[in-house]
Every structure is written in C-alpha cells, then in structure tokens.
Amino acid sequence: MFESVKIGLSYLKDKCDAVLLTPVDIPLFTAQTVRDLMDSGAKPACPVCNGQIGHPNLIHVSLIDEFCRTAPPFSNTTTVSLFVRKFMLC
C-alpha cells in the first residue's frame, strides 16, 4: 500500500507546494481545516482536536523524499497514517 503512496508523492513533488494525505475511510474534514493547515506555515502539519491528532496530514514537498526514504516496512498492523503521525511528531 505504501508503495502507491510513494509513487503518488513522487509524482506530485514538483507540481505543488504541499500534499494532503488522508485515509480513504476518513473523508470528514472541513475546508477550514485545510485552510488552517496550509496557512500554518508548518511543513508537516496535522489538525489536533482535544489532544487527538487527526486528518488530513499536510506534508510540504521539501519533505517528500525524506518521508519516502525513512518509511519502515508496512504490515497489516502498521498503516500509512500511523507513519505519517510518527513522522510529524519527530
């Protein structure tokens, strides 16, 4: 699964300033959340509500290579969203 994310990120890195990642089963976020993330100026950014990290996750294109390079092998119990959260908290 992560290989398809890496292919997509590699394709987008010279076409935009930042990329939003979210699992397909968590589509519920507002346009205001996206504006706030983009306006934050943070290179990795994610919304937080009541101390809980949410979606979407914003990754500046300058971080895409590092994000893809440092990704661990994924198994059924480790998801892309967990890695995004770990990457953003480091």
PDB file of N, CA and C in Angstrom:
ATOM      1  N   MET A   1       0.825  -1.199   0.000  1.00  0.00           N
ATOM      2  CA  MET A   1       0.000   0.000   0.000  1.00  0.00           C
ATOM      3  C   MET A   1       0.865   1.257   0.000  1.00  0.00           C
ATOM      4  N   PHE A   2       1.926   1.247   0.798  1.00  0.00           N
ATOM      5  CA  PHE A   2       2.733   2.459   0.889  1.00  0.00           C
ATOM      6  C   PHE A   2       3.458   2.755  -0.408  1.00  0.00           C
ATOM      7  N   GLU A   3       3.747   1.726  -1.191  1.00  0.00           N
ATOM      8  CA  GLU A   3       4.412   1.963  -2.474  1.00  0.00           C
ATOM      9  C   GLU A   3       3.567   2.860  -3.363  1.00  0.00           C
ATOM     10  N   SER A   4       2.254   2.684  -3.365  1.00  0.00           N
ATOM     11  CA  SER A   4       1.400   3.541  -4.191  1.00  0.00           C
ATOM     12  C   SER A   4       1.384   4.972  -3.662  1.00  0.00           C
ATOM     13  N   VAL A   5       1.484   5.141  -2.344  1.00  0.00           N
ATOM     14  CA  VAL A   5       1.570   6.485  -1.760  1.00  0.00           C
ATOM     15  C   VAL A   5       2.879   7.142  -2.203  1.00  0.00           C
ATOM     16  N   LYS A   6       3.982   6.396  -2.149  1.00  0.00           N
ATOM     17  CA  LYS A   6       5.275   6.940  -2.563  1.00  0.00           C
ATOM     18  C   LYS A   6       5.276   7.324  -4.040  1.00  0.00           C
ATOM     19  N   ILE A   7       4.659   6.522  -4.882  1.00  0.00           N
ATOM     20  CA  ILE A   7       4.569   6.851  -6.310  1.00  0.00           C
ATOM     21  C   ILE A   7       3.788   8.148  -6.497  1.00  0.00           C
ATOM     22  N   GLY A   8       2.673   8.270  -5.807  1.00  0.00           N
ATOM     23  CA  GLY A   8       1.871   9.487  -5.904  1.00  0.00           C
ATOM     24  C   GLY A   8       2.612  10.715  -5.399  1.00  0.00           C
ATOM     25  N   LEU A   9       3.294  10.588  -4.266  1.00  0.00           N
ATOM     26  CA  LEU A   9       4.050  11.707  -3.713  1.00  0.00           C
ATOM     27  C   LEU A   9       5.185  12.115  -4.648  1.00  0.00           C
ATOM     28  N   SER A  10       5.889  11.130  -5.194  1.00  0.00           N
ATOM     29  CA  SER A  10       6.986  11.436  -6.128  1.00  0.00           C
ATOM     30  C   SER A  10       6.467  12.176  -7.357  1.00  0.00           C
ATOM     31  N   TYR A  11       5.307  11.786  -7.833  1.00  0.00           N
ATOM     32  CA  TYR A  11       4.711  12.455  -8.989  1.00  0.00           C
ATOM     33  C   TYR A  11       4.336  13.903  -8.665  1.00  0.00           C
ATOM     34  N   LEU A  12       3.822  14.125  -7.475  1.00  0.00           N
ATOM     35  CA  LEU A  12       3.316  15.448  -7.106  1.00  0.00           C
ATOM     36  C   LEU A  12       4.382  16.433  -6.637  1.00  0.00           C
ATOM     37  N   LYS A  13       5.566  15.965  -6.248  1.00  0.00           N
ATOM     38  CA  LYS A  13       6.518  16.839  -5.560  1.00  0.00           C
ATOM     39  C   LYS A  13       6.993  18.040  -6.368  1.00  0.00           C
ATOM     40  N   ASP A  14       6.930  17.998  -7.689  1.00  0.00           N
ATOM     41  CA  ASP A  14       7.318  19.182  -8.468  1.00  0.00           C
ATOM     42  C   ASP A  14       6.111  19.871  -9.098  1.00  0.00           C
ATOM     43  N   LYS A  15       4.922  19.522  -8.611  1.00  0.00           N
ATOM     44  CA  LYS A  15       3.695  20.090  -9.167  1.00  0.00           C
ATOM     45  C   LYS A  15       2.900  20.937  -8.176  1.00  0.00           C
ATOM     46  N   CYS A  16       3.344  20.980  -6.925  1.00  0.00           N
ATOM     47  CA  CYS A  16       2.608  21.723  -5.905  1.00  0.00           C
ATOM     48  C   CYS A  16       3.552  22.077  -4.762  1.00  0.00           C
ATOM     49  N   ASP A  17       3.040  22.810  -3.789  1.00  0.00           N
ATOM     50  CA  ASP A  17       3.839  23.197  -2.624  1.00  0.00           C
ATOM     51  C   ASP A  17       3.721  22.220  -1.466  1.00  0.00           C
ATOM     52  N   ALA A  18       2.554  21.593  -1.345  1.00  0.00           N
ATOM     53  CA  ALA A  18       2.300  20.672  -0.241  1.00  0.00           C
ATOM     54  C   ALA A  18       1.262  19.652  -0.678  1.00  0.00           C
ATOM     55  N   VAL A  19       1.230  18.547   0.045  1.00  0.00           N
ATOM     56  CA  VAL A  19       0.302  17.465  -0.250  1.00  0.00           C
ATOM     57  C   VAL A  19      -0.469  17.154   1.017  1.00  0.00           C
ATOM     58  N   LEU A  20      -1.754  16.888   0.862  1.00  0.00           N
ATOM     59  CA  LEU A  20      -2.584  16.447   1.976  1.00  0.00           C
ATOM     60  C   LEU A  20      -2.799  14.947   1.863  1.00  0.00           C
ATOM     61  N   LEU A  21      -2.531  14.225   2.934  1.00  0.00           N
ATOM     62  CA  LEU A  21      -2.759  12.780   2.979  1.00  0.00           C
ATOM     63  C   LEU A  21      -3.850  12.477   3.983  1.00  0.00           C
ATOM     64  N   THR A  22      -4.764  11.624   3.577  1.00  0.00           N
ATOM     65  CA  THR A  22      -5.802  11.163   4.488  1.00  0.00           C
ATOM     66  C   THR A  22      -6.254   9.783   4.062  1.00  0.00           C
ATOM     67  N   PRO A  23      -6.566   8.913   5.000  1.00  0.00           N
ATOM     68  CA  PRO A  23      -7.092   7.603   4.621  1.00  0.00           C
ATOM     69  C   PRO A  23      -8.438   7.767   3.907  1.00  0.00           C
ATOM     70  N   VAL A  24      -8.711   6.869   2.987  1.00  0.00           N
ATOM     71  CA  VAL A  24      -9.968   6.979   2.235  1.00  0.00           C
ATOM     72  C   VAL A  24     -11.177   6.756   3.115  1.00  0.00           C
ATOM     73  N   ASP A  25     -11.010   6.094   4.237  1.00  0.00           N
ATOM     74  CA  ASP A  25     -12.155   5.850   5.111  1.00  0.00           C
ATOM     75  C   ASP A  25     -12.345   6.951   6.157  1.00  0.00           C
ATOM     76  N   ILE A  26     -11.571   8.054   6.036  1.00  0.00           N
ATOM     77  CA  ILE A  26     -11.738   9.200   6.935  1.00  0.00           C
ATOM     78  C   ILE A  26     -11.859  10.468   6.088  1.00  0.00           C
ATOM     79  N   PRO A  27     -12.952  10.599   5.347  1.00  0.00           N
ATOM     80  CA  PRO A  27     -13.081  11.744   4.445  1.00  0.00           C
ATOM     81  C   PRO A  27     -13.670  12.991   5.110  1.00  0.00           C
ATOM     82  N   LEU A  28     -13.961  12.936   6.392  1.00  0.00           N
ATOM     83  CA  LEU A  28     -14.692  14.028   7.021  1.00  0.00           C
ATOM     84  C   LEU A  28     -13.775  15.077   7.638  1.00  0.00           C
ATOM     85  N   PHE A  29     -13.446  16.083   6.848  1.00  0.00           N
ATOM     86  CA  PHE A  29     -12.756  17.258   7.355  1.00  0.00           C
ATOM     87  C   PHE A  29     -13.290  18.445   6.565  1.00  0.00           C
ATOM     88  N   THR A  30     -13.127  19.619   7.122  1.00  0.00           N
ATOM     89  CA  THR A  30     -13.720  20.799   6.505  1.00  0.00           C
ATOM     90  C   THR A  30     -12.709  21.581   5.666  1.00  0.00           C
ATOM     91  N   ALA A  31     -13.240  22.417   4.801  1.00  0.00           N
ATOM     92  CA  ALA A  31     -12.389  23.308   4.011  1.00  0.00           C
ATOM     93  C   ALA A  31     -11.600  24.223   4.946  1.00  0.00           C
ATOM     94  N   GLN A  32     -12.191  24.606   6.072  1.00  0.00           N
ATOM     95  CA  GLN A  32     -11.498  25.462   7.035  1.00  0.00           C
ATOM     96  C   GLN A  32     -10.281  24.743   7.627  1.00  0.00           C
ATOM     97  N   THR A  33     -10.400  23.451   7.863  1.00  0.00           N
ATOM     98  CA  THR A  33      -9.261  22.677   8.361  1.00  0.00           C
ATOM     99  C   THR A  33      -8.120  22.720   7.352  1.00  0.00           C
ATOM    100  N   VAL A  34      -8.436  22.546   6.085  1.00  0.00           N
ATOM    101  CA  VAL A  34      -7.412  22.596   5.035  1.00  0.00           C
ATOM    102  C   VAL A  34      -6.777  23.980   4.984  1.00  0.00           C
ATOM    103  N   ARG A  35      -7.594  25.032   5.040  1.00  0.00           N
ATOM    104  CA  ARG A  35      -7.043  26.401   5.031  1.00  0.00           C
ATOM    105  C   ARG A  35      -6.127  26.624   6.232  1.00  0.00           C
ATOM    106  N   ASP A  36      -6.560  26.177   7.396  1.00  0.00           N
ATOM    107  CA  ASP A  36      -5.749  26.360   8.607  1.00  0.00           C
ATOM    108  C   ASP A  36      -4.407  25.636   8.498  1.00  0.00           C
ATOM    109  N   LEU A  37      -4.418  24.420   7.969  1.00  0.00           N
ATOM    110  CA  LEU A  37      -3.171  23.675   7.795  1.00  0.00           C
ATOM    111  C   LEU A  37      -2.248  24.390   6.825  1.00  0.00           C
ATOM    112  N   MET A  38      -2.797  24.834   5.717  1.00  0.00           N
ATOM    113  CA  MET A  38      -1.969  25.498   4.707  1.00  0.00           C
ATOM    114  C   MET A  38      -1.463  26.851   5.193  1.00  0.00           C
ATOM    115  N   ASP A  39      -2.268  27.557   5.963  1.00  0.00           N
ATOM    116  CA  ASP A  39      -1.880  28.863   6.489  1.00  0.00           C
ATOM    117  C   ASP A  39      -0.923  28.765   7.683  1.00  0.00           C
ATOM    118  N   SER A  40      -0.779  27.579   8.262  1.00  0.00           N
ATOM    119  CA  SER A  40       0.043  27.425   9.465  1.00  0.00           C
ATOM    120  C   SER A  40       1.527  27.655   9.190  1.00  0.00           C
ATOM    121  N   GLY A  41       1.942  27.422   7.948  1.00  0.00           N
ATOM    122  CA  GLY A  41       3.352  27.568   7.612  1.00  0.00           C
ATOM    123  C   GLY A  41       4.199  26.383   8.046  1.00  0.00           C
ATOM    124  N   ALA A  42       3.595  25.421   8.721  1.00  0.00           N
ATOM    125  CA  ALA A  42       4.328  24.231   9.150  1.00  0.00           C
ATOM    126  C   ALA A  42       4.558  23.314   7.953  1.00  0.00           C
ATOM    127  N   LYS A  43       5.710  22.677   7.909  1.00  0.00           N
ATOM    128  CA  LYS A  43       5.996  21.794   6.773  1.00  0.00           C
ATOM    129  C   LYS A  43       5.330  20.447   6.934  1.00  0.00           C
ATOM    130  N   PRO A  44       5.423  19.790   8.101  1.00  0.00           N
ATOM    131  CA  PRO A  44       4.444  18.746   8.368  1.00  0.00           C
ATOM    132  C   PRO A  44       3.417  19.362   9.312  1.00  0.00           C
ATOM    133  N   ALA A  45       2.155  19.134   9.050  1.00  0.00           N
ATOM    134  CA  ALA A  45       1.105  19.687   9.918  1.00  0.00           C
ATOM    135  C   ALA A  45      -0.074  18.733   9.938  1.00  0.00           C
ATOM    136  N   CYS A  46      -0.754  18.714  11.056  1.00  0.00           N
ATOM    137  CA  CYS A  46      -1.983  17.933  11.153  1.00  0.00           C
ATOM    138  C   CYS A  46      -2.901  18.609  12.159  1.00  0.00           C
ATOM    139  N   PRO A  47      -4.200  18.442  11.969  1.00  0.00           N
ATOM    140  CA  PRO A  47      -5.124  19.028  12.926  1.00  0.00           C
ATOM    141  C   PRO A  47      -5.107  18.247  14.243  1.00  0.00           C
ATOM    142  N   VAL A  48      -5.389  18.948  15.323  1.00  0.00           N
ATOM    143  CA  VAL A  48      -5.479  18.326  16.638  1.00  0.00           C
ATOM    144  C   VAL A  48      -6.783  18.778  17.270  1.00  0.00           C
ATOM    145  N   CYS A  49      -7.542  17.831  17.782  1.00  0.00           N
ATOM    146  CA  CYS A  49      -8.811  18.139  18.455  1.00  0.00           C
ATOM    147  C   CYS A  49      -8.834  17.387  19.780  1.00  0.00           C
ATOM    148  N   ASN A  50      -8.965  18.123  20.860  1.00  0.00           N
ATOM    149  CA  ASN A  50      -8.969  17.524  22.195  1.00  0.00           C
ATOM    150  C   ASN A  50      -7.755  16.629  22.425  1.00  0.00           C
ATOM    151  N   GLY A  51      -6.600  17.073  21.921  1.00  0.00           N
ATOM    152  CA  GLY A  51      -5.363  16.329  22.108  1.00  0.00           C
ATOM    153  C   GLY A  51      -5.169  15.157  21.160  1.00  0.00           C
ATOM    154  N   GLN A  52      -6.123  14.903  20.288  1.00  0.00           N
ATOM    155  CA  GLN A  52      -6.030  13.792  19.347  1.00  0.00           C
ATOM    156  C   GLN A  52      -5.602  14.294  17.975  1.00  0.00           C
ATOM    157  N   ILE A  53      -4.567  13.677  17.413  1.00  0.00           N
ATOM    158  CA  ILE A  53      -4.107  14.031  16.070  1.00  0.00           C
ATOM    159  C   ILE A  53      -5.100  13.490  15.061  1.00  0.00           C
ATOM    160  N   GLY A  54      -5.437  14.333  14.072  1.00  0.00           N
ATOM    161  CA  GLY A  54      -6.427  13.924  13.091  1.00  0.00           C
ATOM    162  C   GLY A  54      -5.921  13.999  11.666  1.00  0.00           C
ATOM    163  N   HIS A  55      -6.854  14.119  10.757  1.00  0.00           N
ATOM    164  CA  HIS A  55      -6.584  14.156   9.320  1.00  0.00           C
ATOM    165  C   HIS A  55      -7.263  15.375   8.728  1.00  0.00           C
ATOM    166  N   PRO A  56      -6.789  15.847   7.622  1.00  0.00           N
ATOM    167  CA  PRO A  56      -5.709  15.331   6.791  1.00  0.00           C
ATOM    168  C   PRO A  56      -4.347  15.744   7.345  1.00  0.00           C
ATOM    169  N   ASN A  57      -3.310  15.063   6.868  1.00  0.00           N
ATOM    170  CA  ASN A  57      -1.939  15.404   7.217  1.00  0.00           C
ATOM    171  C   ASN A  57      -1.335  16.160   6.054  1.00  0.00           C
ATOM    172  N   LEU A  58      -0.709  17.301   6.340  1.00  0.00           N
ATOM    173  CA  LEU A  58      -0.067  18.106   5.310  1.00  0.00           C
ATOM    174  C   LEU A  58       1.426  17.834   5.331  1.00  0.00           C
ATOM    175  N   ILE A  59       1.990  17.568   4.157  1.00  0.00           N
ATOM    176  CA  ILE A  59       3.432  17.373   4.032  1.00  0.00           C
ATOM    177  C   ILE A  59       3.932  18.313   2.940  1.00  0.00           C
ATOM    178  N   HIS A  60       4.846  19.195   3.306  1.00  0.00           N
ATOM    179  CA  HIS A  60       5.452  20.098   2.330  1.00  0.00           C
ATOM    180  C   HIS A  60       6.291  19.268   1.363  1.00  0.00           C
ATOM    181  N   VAL A  61       6.338  19.678   0.096  1.00  0.00           N
ATOM    182  CA  VAL A  61       7.072  18.889  -0.904  1.00  0.00           C
ATOM    183  C   VAL A  61       8.560  18.758  -0.567  1.00  0.00           C
ATOM    184  N   SER A  62       9.111  19.673   0.193  1.00  0.00           N
ATOM    185  CA  SER A  62      10.528  19.574   0.568  1.00  0.00           C
ATOM    186  C   SER A  62      10.787  18.378   1.488  1.00  0.00           C
ATOM    187  N   LEU A  63       9.748  17.800   2.068  1.00  0.00           N
ATOM    188  CA  LEU A  63       9.892  16.658   2.974  1.00  0.00           C
ATOM    189  C   LEU A  63       9.556  15.325   2.320  1.00  0.00           C
ATOM    190  N   ILE A  64       9.081  15.336   1.082  1.00  0.00           N
ATOM    191  CA  ILE A  64       8.610  14.100   0.453  1.00  0.00           C
ATOM    192  C   ILE A  64       9.720  13.062   0.330  1.00  0.00           C
ATOM    193  N   ASP A  65      10.895  13.463  -0.129  1.00  0.00           N
ATOM    194  CA  ASP A  65      11.983  12.483  -0.282  1.00  0.00           C
ATOM    195  C   ASP A  65      12.337  11.840   1.056  1.00  0.00           C
ATOM    196  N   GLU A  66      12.452  12.652   2.102  1.00  0.00           N
ATOM    197  CA  GLU A  66      12.770  12.111   3.428  1.00  0.00           C
ATOM    198  C   GLU A  66      11.651  11.200   3.921  1.00  0.00           C
ATOM    199  N   PHE A  67      10.419  11.622   3.730  1.00  0.00           N
ATOM    200  CA  PHE A  67       9.256  10.830   4.129  1.00  0.00           C
ATOM    201  C   PHE A  67       9.311   9.455   3.467  1.00  0.00           C
ATOM    202  N   CYS A  68       9.552   9.418   2.162  1.00  0.00           N
ATOM    203  CA  CYS A  68       9.595   8.152   1.428  1.00  0.00           C
ATOM    204  C   CYS A  68      10.813   7.311   1.809  1.00  0.00           C
ATOM    205  N   ARG A  69      11.935   7.941   2.015  1.00  0.00           N
ATOM    206  CA  ARG A  69      13.185   7.240   2.324  1.00  0.00           C
ATOM    207  C   ARG A  69      13.164   6.608   3.715  1.00  0.00           C
ATOM    208  N   THR A  70      12.529   7.238   4.674  1.00  0.00           N
ATOM    209  CA  THR A  70      12.571   6.758   6.053  1.00  0.00           C
ATOM    210  C   THR A  70      11.387   5.886   6.429  1.00  0.00           C
ATOM    211  N   ALA A  71      10.545   5.584   5.467  1.00  0.00           N
ATOM    212  CA  ALA A  71       9.374   4.757   5.761  1.00  0.00           C
ATOM    213  C   ALA A  71       9.789   3.342   6.124  1.00  0.00           C
ATOM    214  N   PRO A  72       9.250   2.825   7.225  1.00  0.00           N
ATOM    215  CA  PRO A  72       9.542   1.438   7.587  1.00  0.00           C
ATOM    216  C   PRO A  72       8.719   0.485   6.725  1.00  0.00           C
ATOM    217  N   PRO A  73       9.053  -0.800   6.736  1.00  0.00           N
ATOM    218  CA  PRO A  73       8.189  -1.762   6.039  1.00  0.00           C
ATOM    219  C   PRO A  73       6.810  -1.770   6.710  1.00  0.00           C
ATOM    220  N   PHE A  74       5.787  -1.863   5.913  1.00  0.00           N
ATOM    221  CA  PHE A  74       4.428  -1.854   6.461  1.00  0.00           C
ATOM    222  C   PHE A  74       3.860  -3.254   6.487  1.00  0.00           C
ATOM    223  N   SER A  75       3.129  -3.540   7.546  1.00  0.00           N
ATOM    224  CA  SER A  75       2.442  -4.818   7.673  1.00  0.00           C
ATOM    225  C   SER A  75       0.953  -4.533   7.826  1.00  0.00           C
ATOM    226  N   ASN A  76       0.197  -5.551   8.052  1.00  0.00           N
ATOM    227  CA  ASN A  76      -1.240  -5.361   8.226  1.00  0.00           C
ATOM    228  C   ASN A  76      -1.569  -4.510   9.441  1.00  0.00           C
ATOM    229  N   THR A  77      -0.688  -4.494  10.433  1.00  0.00           N
ATOM    230  CA  THR A  77      -0.969  -3.754  11.660  1.00  0.00           C
ATOM    231  C   THR A  77      -0.369  -2.352  11.666  1.00  0.00           C
ATOM    232  N   THR A  78       0.442  -2.037  10.670  1.00  0.00           N
ATOM    233  CA  THR A  78       1.058  -0.718  10.593  1.00  0.00           C
ATOM    234  C   THR A  78       0.540  -0.024   9.351  1.00  0.00           C
ATOM    235  N   THR A  79      -0.088   1.122   9.523  1.00  0.00           N
ATOM    236  CA  THR A  79      -0.703   1.803   8.394  1.00  0.00           C
ATOM    237  C   THR A  79       0.070   3.056   8.022  1.00  0.00           C
ATOM    238  N   VAL A  80      -0.208   3.539   6.842  1.00  0.00           N
ATOM    239  CA  VAL A  80       0.417   4.777   6.387  1.00  0.00           C
ATOM    240  C   VAL A  80       0.104   5.912   7.348  1.00  0.00           C
ATOM    241  N   SER A  81      -1.130   6.003   7.820  1.00  0.00           N
ATOM    242  CA  SER A  81      -1.487   7.112   8.711  1.00  0.00           C
ATOM    243  C   SER A  81      -0.694   7.082  10.011  1.00  0.00           C
ATOM    244  N   LEU A  82      -0.400   5.900  10.531  1.00  0.00           N
ATOM    245  CA  LEU A  82       0.426   5.824  11.747  1.00  0.00           C
ATOM    246  C   LEU A  82       1.827   6.335  11.472  1.00  0.00           C
ATOM    247  N   PHE A  83       2.369   6.005  10.292  1.00  0.00           N
ATOM    248  CA  PHE A  83       3.700   6.504   9.962  1.00  0.00           C
ATOM    249  C   PHE A  83       3.689   8.013   9.796  1.00  0.00           C
ATOM    250  N   VAL A  84       2.656   8.543   9.151  1.00  0.00           N
ATOM    251  CA  VAL A  84       2.544   9.991   8.980  1.00  0.00           C
ATOM    252  C   VAL A  84       2.554  10.665  10.343  1.00  0.00           C
ATOM    253  N   ARG A  85       1.792  10.137  11.265  1.00  0.00           N
ATOM    254  CA  ARG A  85       1.755  10.713  12.615  1.00  0.00           C
ATOM    255  C   ARG A  85       3.114  10.639  13.287  1.00  0.00           C
ATOM    256  N   LYS A  86       3.785   9.513  13.182  1.00  0.00           N
ATOM    257  CA  LYS A  86       5.119   9.372  13.773  1.00  0.00           C
ATOM    258  C   LYS A  86       6.082  10.359  13.148  1.00  0.00           C
ATOM    259  N   PHE A  87       6.060  10.456  11.833  1.00  0.00           N
ATOM    260  CA  PHE A  87       6.942  11.363  11.105  1.00  0.00           C
ATOM    261  C   PHE A  87       6.707  12.804  11.553  1.00  0.00           C
ATOM    262  N   MET A  88       5.471  13.165  11.769  1.00  0.00           N
ATOM    263  CA  MET A  88       5.128  14.537  12.131  1.00  0.00           C
ATOM    264  C   MET A  88       5.492  14.854  13.567  1.00  0.00           C
ATOM    265  N   LEU A  89       5.568  13.858  14.405  1.00  0.00           N
ATOM    266  CA  LEU A  89       5.869  14.089  15.821  1.00  0.00           C
ATOM    267  C   LEU A  89       7.368  14.068  16.095  1.00  0.00           C
ATOM    268  N   CYS A  90       8.177  13.607  15.154  1.00  0.00           N
ATOM    269  CA  CYS A  90       9.627  13.530  15.366  1.00  0.00           C
ATOM    270  C   CYS A  90      10.269  14.911  15.251  1.00  0.00           C
TER     271      CYS A  90
END
